[in-house]
Amino acid sequence: MSANPISSPCVNICQTDSVTGVCLGCGRTLQEITDWMNLNDEEKKRVIAQSQNRLNDLLFN
């Protein structure tokens, strides 16, 4: 376990996009949200990066 755990990117806006199923608050998929507590730090960093890209795609494209 890490001395400085990576916090969940949840911002308490828990609504999903009806087309993509991506959370409009944090950008994670439902599977990523479900799996969060079981991911290691590297996996969490990857999920955060991917979720930020998804949010940018949803908001700016």
PDB file of N, CA and C in Angstrom:
ATOM      1  N   MET A   1       0.842  -1.182   0.000  1.00  0.00           N
ATOM      2  CA  MET A   1       0.000   0.000   0.000  1.00  0.00           C
ATOM      3  C   MET A   1       0.885   1.242   0.000  1.00  0.00           C
ATOM      4  N   SER A   2       0.494   2.233  -0.759  1.00  0.00           N
ATOM      5  CA  SER A   2       1.266   3.447  -0.924  1.00  0.00           C
ATOM      6  C   SER A   2       1.145   4.356   0.298  1.00  0.00           C
ATOM      7  N   ALA A   3       2.235   5.076   0.615  1.00  0.00           N
ATOM      8  CA  ALA A   3       2.209   6.031   1.716  1.00  0.00           C
ATOM      9  C   ALA A   3       1.307   7.213   1.379  1.00  0.00           C
ATOM     10  N   ASN A   4       1.240   7.558   0.112  1.00  0.00           N
ATOM     11  CA  ASN A   4       0.383   8.646  -0.367  1.00  0.00           C
ATOM     12  C   ASN A   4      -0.583   8.081  -1.393  1.00  0.00           C
ATOM     13  N   PRO A   5      -1.691   7.526  -0.926  1.00  0.00           N
ATOM     14  CA  PRO A   5      -2.624   6.899  -1.870  1.00  0.00           C
ATOM     15  C   PRO A   5      -3.185   7.916  -2.862  1.00  0.00           C
ATOM     16  N   ILE A   6      -3.455   7.438  -4.049  1.00  0.00           N
ATOM     17  CA  ILE A   6      -4.028   8.284  -5.094  1.00  0.00           C
ATOM     18  C   ILE A   6      -5.523   8.384  -4.854  1.00  0.00           C
ATOM     19  N   SER A   7      -5.988   9.607  -4.720  1.00  0.00           N
ATOM     20  CA  SER A   7      -7.403   9.845  -4.447  1.00  0.00           C
ATOM     21  C   SER A   7      -8.260   9.596  -5.674  1.00  0.00           C
ATOM     22  N   SER A   8      -9.480   9.220  -5.424  1.00  0.00           N
ATOM     23  CA  SER A   8     -10.456   9.046  -6.489  1.00  0.00           C
ATOM     24  C   SER A   8     -10.681  10.381  -7.187  1.00  0.00           C
ATOM     25  N   PRO A   9     -10.832  10.365  -8.507  1.00  0.00           N
ATOM     26  CA  PRO A   9     -11.102  11.605  -9.235  1.00  0.00           C
ATOM     27  C   PRO A   9     -12.568  12.035  -9.162  1.00  0.00           C
ATOM     28  N   CYS A  10     -13.372  11.348  -8.376  1.00  0.00           N
ATOM     29  CA  CYS A  10     -14.796  11.673  -8.260  1.00  0.00           C
ATOM     30  C   CYS A  10     -14.979  13.118  -7.784  1.00  0.00           C
ATOM     31  N   VAL A  11     -15.882  13.842  -8.442  1.00  0.00           N
ATOM     32  CA  VAL A  11     -16.203  15.221  -8.053  1.00  0.00           C
ATOM     33  C   VAL A  11     -17.668  15.346  -7.644  1.00  0.00           C
ATOM     34  N   ASN A  12     -18.286  14.221  -7.332  1.00  0.00           N
ATOM     35  CA  ASN A  12     -19.682  14.171  -6.872  1.00  0.00           C
ATOM     36  C   ASN A  12     -20.682  14.733  -7.877  1.00  0.00           C
ATOM     37  N   ILE A  13     -20.374  14.578  -9.147  1.00  0.00           N
ATOM     38  CA  ILE A  13     -21.323  14.848 -10.236  1.00  0.00           C
ATOM     39  C   ILE A  13     -21.488  13.510 -10.938  1.00  0.00           C
ATOM     40  N   CYS A  14     -22.295  12.659 -10.346  1.00  0.00           N
ATOM     41  CA  CYS A  14     -22.380  11.267 -10.784  1.00  0.00           C
ATOM     42  C   CYS A  14     -23.538  11.069 -11.760  1.00  0.00           C
ATOM     43  N   GLN A  15     -23.299  11.500 -12.988  1.00  0.00           N
ATOM     44  CA  GLN A  15     -24.248  11.314 -14.078  1.00  0.00           C
ATOM     45  C   GLN A  15     -23.470  10.775 -15.256  1.00  0.00           C
ATOM     46  N   THR A  16     -24.075   9.847 -15.970  1.00  0.00           N
ATOM     47  CA  THR A  16     -23.376   9.275 -17.114  1.00  0.00           C
ATOM     48  C   THR A  16     -23.946   9.804 -18.422  1.00  0.00           C
ATOM     49  N   ASP A  17     -23.060   9.926 -19.391  1.00  0.00           N
ATOM     50  CA  ASP A  17     -23.452  10.305 -20.745  1.00  0.00           C
ATOM     51  C   ASP A  17     -24.280   9.174 -21.327  1.00  0.00           C
ATOM     52  N   SER A  18     -25.424   9.499 -21.888  1.00  0.00           N
ATOM     53  CA  SER A  18     -26.335   8.457 -22.381  1.00  0.00           C
ATOM     54  C   SER A  18     -25.776   7.687 -23.575  1.00  0.00           C
ATOM     55  N   VAL A  19     -24.847   8.268 -24.296  1.00  0.00           N
ATOM     56  CA  VAL A  19     -24.270   7.597 -25.462  1.00  0.00           C
ATOM     57  C   VAL A  19     -23.046   6.761 -25.085  1.00  0.00           C
ATOM     58  N   THR A  20     -22.138   7.356 -24.333  1.00  0.00           N
ATOM     59  CA  THR A  20     -20.866   6.683 -24.047  1.00  0.00           C
ATOM     60  C   THR A  20     -20.868   5.911 -22.728  1.00  0.00           C
ATOM     61  N   GLY A  21     -21.737   6.267 -21.799  1.00  0.00           N
ATOM     62  CA  GLY A  21     -21.752   5.648 -20.486  1.00  0.00           C
ATOM     63  C   GLY A  21     -20.666   6.175 -19.568  1.00  0.00           C
ATOM     64  N   VAL A  22     -19.993   7.230 -19.980  1.00  0.00           N
ATOM     65  CA  VAL A  22     -18.909   7.828 -19.205  1.00  0.00           C
ATOM     66  C   VAL A  22     -19.493   8.817 -18.204  1.00  0.00           C
ATOM     67  N   CYS A  23     -18.957   8.804 -16.979  1.00  0.00           N
ATOM     68  CA  CYS A  23     -19.405   9.741 -15.954  1.00  0.00           C
ATOM     69  C   CYS A  23     -19.050  11.163 -16.376  1.00  0.00           C
ATOM     70  N   LEU A  24     -20.030  12.050 -16.325  1.00  0.00           N
ATOM     71  CA  LEU A  24     -19.821  13.438 -16.737  1.00  0.00           C
ATOM     72  C   LEU A  24     -19.065  14.243 -15.687  1.00  0.00           C
ATOM     73  N   GLY A  25     -18.922  13.704 -14.507  1.00  0.00           N
ATOM     74  CA  GLY A  25     -18.168  14.385 -13.462  1.00  0.00           C
ATOM     75  C   GLY A  25     -16.691  14.056 -13.509  1.00  0.00           C
ATOM     76  N   CYS A  26     -16.360  12.774 -13.548  1.00  0.00           N
ATOM     77  CA  CYS A  26     -14.954  12.364 -13.461  1.00  0.00           C
ATOM     78  C   CYS A  26     -14.393  11.786 -14.751  1.00  0.00           C
ATOM     79  N   GLY A  27     -15.248  11.412 -15.686  1.00  0.00           N
ATOM     80  CA  GLY A  27     -14.772  10.878 -16.957  1.00  0.00           C
ATOM     81  C   GLY A  27     -14.470   9.398 -16.961  1.00  0.00           C
ATOM     82  N   ARG A  28     -14.720   8.730 -15.833  1.00  0.00           N
ATOM     83  CA  ARG A  28     -14.451   7.291 -15.786  1.00  0.00           C
ATOM     84  C   ARG A  28     -15.637   6.489 -16.308  1.00  0.00           C
ATOM     85  N   THR A  29     -15.341   5.277 -16.755  1.00  0.00           N
ATOM     86  CA  THR A  29     -16.399   4.353 -17.129  1.00  0.00           C
ATOM     87  C   THR A  29     -16.941   3.720 -15.846  1.00  0.00           C
ATOM     88  N   LEU A  30     -18.106   3.107 -15.944  1.00  0.00           N
ATOM     89  CA  LEU A  30     -18.669   2.444 -14.770  1.00  0.00           C
ATOM     90  C   LEU A  30     -17.752   1.327 -14.276  1.00  0.00           C
ATOM     91  N   GLN A  31     -17.097   0.637 -15.198  1.00  0.00           N
ATOM     92  CA  GLN A  31     -16.164  -0.433 -14.802  1.00  0.00           C
ATOM     93  C   GLN A  31     -14.979   0.145 -14.046  1.00  0.00           C
ATOM     94  N   GLU A  32     -14.450   1.269 -14.506  1.00  0.00           N
ATOM     95  CA  GLU A  32     -13.321   1.893 -13.813  1.00  0.00           C
ATOM     96  C   GLU A  32     -13.728   2.367 -12.417  1.00  0.00           C
ATOM     97  N   ILE A  33     -14.933   2.888 -12.289  1.00  0.00           N
ATOM     98  CA  ILE A  33     -15.428   3.312 -10.981  1.00  0.00           C
ATOM     99  C   ILE A  33     -15.537   2.116 -10.050  1.00  0.00           C
ATOM    100  N   THR A  34     -16.101   1.036 -10.558  1.00  0.00           N
ATOM    101  CA  THR A  34     -16.261  -0.186  -9.770  1.00  0.00           C
ATOM    102  C   THR A  34     -14.911  -0.763  -9.349  1.00  0.00           C
ATOM    103  N   ASP A  35     -13.943  -0.736 -10.253  1.00  0.00           N
ATOM    104  CA  ASP A  35     -12.637  -1.353 -10.006  1.00  0.00           C
ATOM    105  C   ASP A  35     -11.683  -0.486  -9.184  1.00  0.00           C
ATOM    106  N   TRP A  36     -11.996   0.802  -8.996  1.00  0.00           N
ATOM    107  CA  TRP A  36     -11.049   1.773  -8.442  1.00  0.00           C
ATOM    108  C   TRP A  36     -10.301   1.277  -7.196  1.00  0.00           C
ATOM    109  N   MET A  37     -11.010   0.757  -6.234  1.00  0.00           N
ATOM    110  CA  MET A  37     -10.389   0.357  -4.967  1.00  0.00           C
ATOM    111  C   MET A  37      -9.404  -0.802  -5.131  1.00  0.00           C
ATOM    112  N   ASN A  38      -9.521  -1.556  -6.208  1.00  0.00           N
ATOM    113  CA  ASN A  38      -8.641  -2.705  -6.430  1.00  0.00           C
ATOM    114  C   ASN A  38      -7.464  -2.401  -7.352  1.00  0.00           C
ATOM    115  N   LEU A  39      -7.383  -1.186  -7.869  1.00  0.00           N
ATOM    116  CA  LEU A  39      -6.302  -0.823  -8.786  1.00  0.00           C
ATOM    117  C   LEU A  39      -5.056  -0.423  -8.017  1.00  0.00           C
ATOM    118  N   ASN A  40      -3.893  -0.717  -8.606  1.00  0.00           N
ATOM    119  CA  ASN A  40      -2.650  -0.238  -8.002  1.00  0.00           C
ATOM    120  C   ASN A  40      -2.422   1.212  -8.453  1.00  0.00           C
ATOM    121  N   ASP A  41      -1.396   1.861  -7.924  1.00  0.00           N
ATOM    122  CA  ASP A  41      -1.166   3.274  -8.211  1.00  0.00           C
ATOM    123  C   ASP A  41      -0.963   3.558  -9.697  1.00  0.00           C
ATOM    124  N   GLU A  42      -0.215   2.691 -10.371  1.00  0.00           N
ATOM    125  CA  GLU A  42       0.028   2.895 -11.808  1.00  0.00           C
ATOM    126  C   GLU A  42      -1.275   2.793 -12.599  1.00  0.00           C
ATOM    127  N   GLU A  43      -2.105   1.833 -12.241  1.00  0.00           N
ATOM    128  CA  GLU A  43      -3.400   1.684 -12.917  1.00  0.00           C
ATOM    129  C   GLU A  43      -4.289   2.887 -12.649  1.00  0.00           C
ATOM    130  N   LYS A  44      -4.270   3.403 -11.423  1.00  0.00           N
ATOM    131  CA  LYS A  44      -5.063   4.592 -11.091  1.00  0.00           C
ATOM    132  C   LYS A  44      -4.601   5.798 -11.893  1.00  0.00           C
ATOM    133  N   LYS A  45      -3.279   5.963 -12.022  1.00  0.00           N
ATOM    134  CA  LYS A  45      -2.743   7.070 -12.828  1.00  0.00           C
ATOM    135  C   LYS A  45      -3.205   6.952 -14.280  1.00  0.00           C
ATOM    136  N   ARG A  46      -3.193   5.730 -14.803  1.00  0.00           N
ATOM    137  CA  ARG A  46      -3.639   5.506 -16.181  1.00  0.00           C
ATOM    138  C   ARG A  46      -5.112   5.847 -16.333  1.00  0.00           C
ATOM    139  N   VAL A  47      -5.930   5.404 -15.381  1.00  0.00           N
ATOM    140  CA  VAL A  47      -7.366   5.680 -15.427  1.00  0.00           C
ATOM    141  C   VAL A  47      -7.615   7.185 -15.364  1.00  0.00           C
ATOM    142  N   ILE A  48      -6.899   7.890 -14.507  1.00  0.00           N
ATOM    143  CA  ILE A  48      -7.072   9.338 -14.391  1.00  0.00           C
ATOM    144  C   ILE A  48      -6.728  10.026 -15.710  1.00  0.00           C
ATOM    145  N   ALA A  49      -5.623   9.635 -16.327  1.00  0.00           N
ATOM    146  CA  ALA A  49      -5.225  10.244 -17.605  1.00  0.00           C
ATOM    147  C   ALA A  49      -6.266   9.964 -18.688  1.00  0.00           C
ATOM    148  N   GLN A  50      -6.715   8.722 -18.765  1.00  0.00           N
ATOM    149  CA  GLN A  50      -7.716   8.374 -19.777  1.00  0.00           C
ATOM    150  C   GLN A  50      -9.037   9.085 -19.517  1.00  0.00           C
ATOM    151  N   SER A  51      -9.417   9.206 -18.256  1.00  0.00           N
ATOM    152  CA  SER A  51     -10.697   9.838 -17.941  1.00  0.00           C
ATOM    153  C   SER A  51     -10.662  11.328 -18.275  1.00  0.00           C
ATOM    154  N   GLN A  52      -9.526  11.968 -18.056  1.00  0.00           N
ATOM    155  CA  GLN A  52      -9.394  13.384 -18.418  1.00  0.00           C
ATOM    156  C   GLN A  52      -9.515  13.561 -19.931  1.00  0.00           C
ATOM    157  N   ASN A  53      -8.913  12.651 -20.689  1.00  0.00           N
ATOM    158  CA  ASN A  53      -9.033  12.706 -22.147  1.00  0.00           C
ATOM    159  C   ASN A  53     -10.479  12.505 -22.587  1.00  0.00           C
ATOM    160  N   ARG A  54     -11.180  11.577 -21.945  1.00  0.00           N
ATOM    161  CA  ARG A  54     -12.590  11.335 -22.281  1.00  0.00           C
ATOM    162  C   ARG A  54     -13.434  12.567 -22.016  1.00  0.00           C
ATOM    163  N   LEU A  55     -13.218  13.202 -20.866  1.00  0.00           N
ATOM    164  CA  LEU A  55     -13.991  14.407 -20.541  1.00  0.00           C
ATOM    165  C   LEU A  55     -13.722  15.507 -21.553  1.00  0.00           C
ATOM    166  N   ASN A  56     -12.462  15.682 -21.914  1.00  0.00           N
ATOM    167  CA  ASN A  56     -12.124  16.691 -22.931  1.00  0.00           C
ATOM    168  C   ASN A  56     -12.829  16.388 -24.246  1.00  0.00           C
ATOM    169  N   ASP A  57     -12.852  15.124 -24.640  1.00  0.00           N
ATOM    170  CA  ASP A  57     -13.523  14.737 -25.875  1.00  0.00           C
ATOM    171  C   ASP A  57     -15.017  15.042 -25.800  1.00  0.00           C
ATOM    172  N   LEU A  58     -15.638  14.724 -24.663  1.00  0.00           N
ATOM    173  CA  LEU A  58     -17.077  14.958 -24.508  1.00  0.00           C
ATOM    174  C   LEU A  58     -17.418  16.450 -24.487  1.00  0.00           C
ATOM    175  N   LEU A  59     -16.580  17.225 -23.828  1.00  0.00           N
ATOM    176  CA  LEU A  59     -16.885  18.636 -23.629  1.00  0.00           C
ATOM    177  C   LEU A  59     -16.473  19.519 -24.803  1.00  0.00           C
ATOM    178  N   PHE A  60     -15.423  19.139 -25.504  1.00  0.00           N
ATOM    179  CA  PHE A  60     -14.883  20.025 -26.521  1.00  0.00           C
ATOM    180  C   PHE A  60     -14.957  19.507 -27.945  1.00  0.00           C
ATOM    181  N   ASN A  61     -15.638  18.393 -28.152  1.00  0.00           N
ATOM    182  CA  ASN A  61     -15.779  17.866 -29.522  1.00  0.00           C
ATOM    183  C   ASN A  61     -17.224  17.695 -29.876  1.00  0.00           C
TER     184      ASN A  61
END
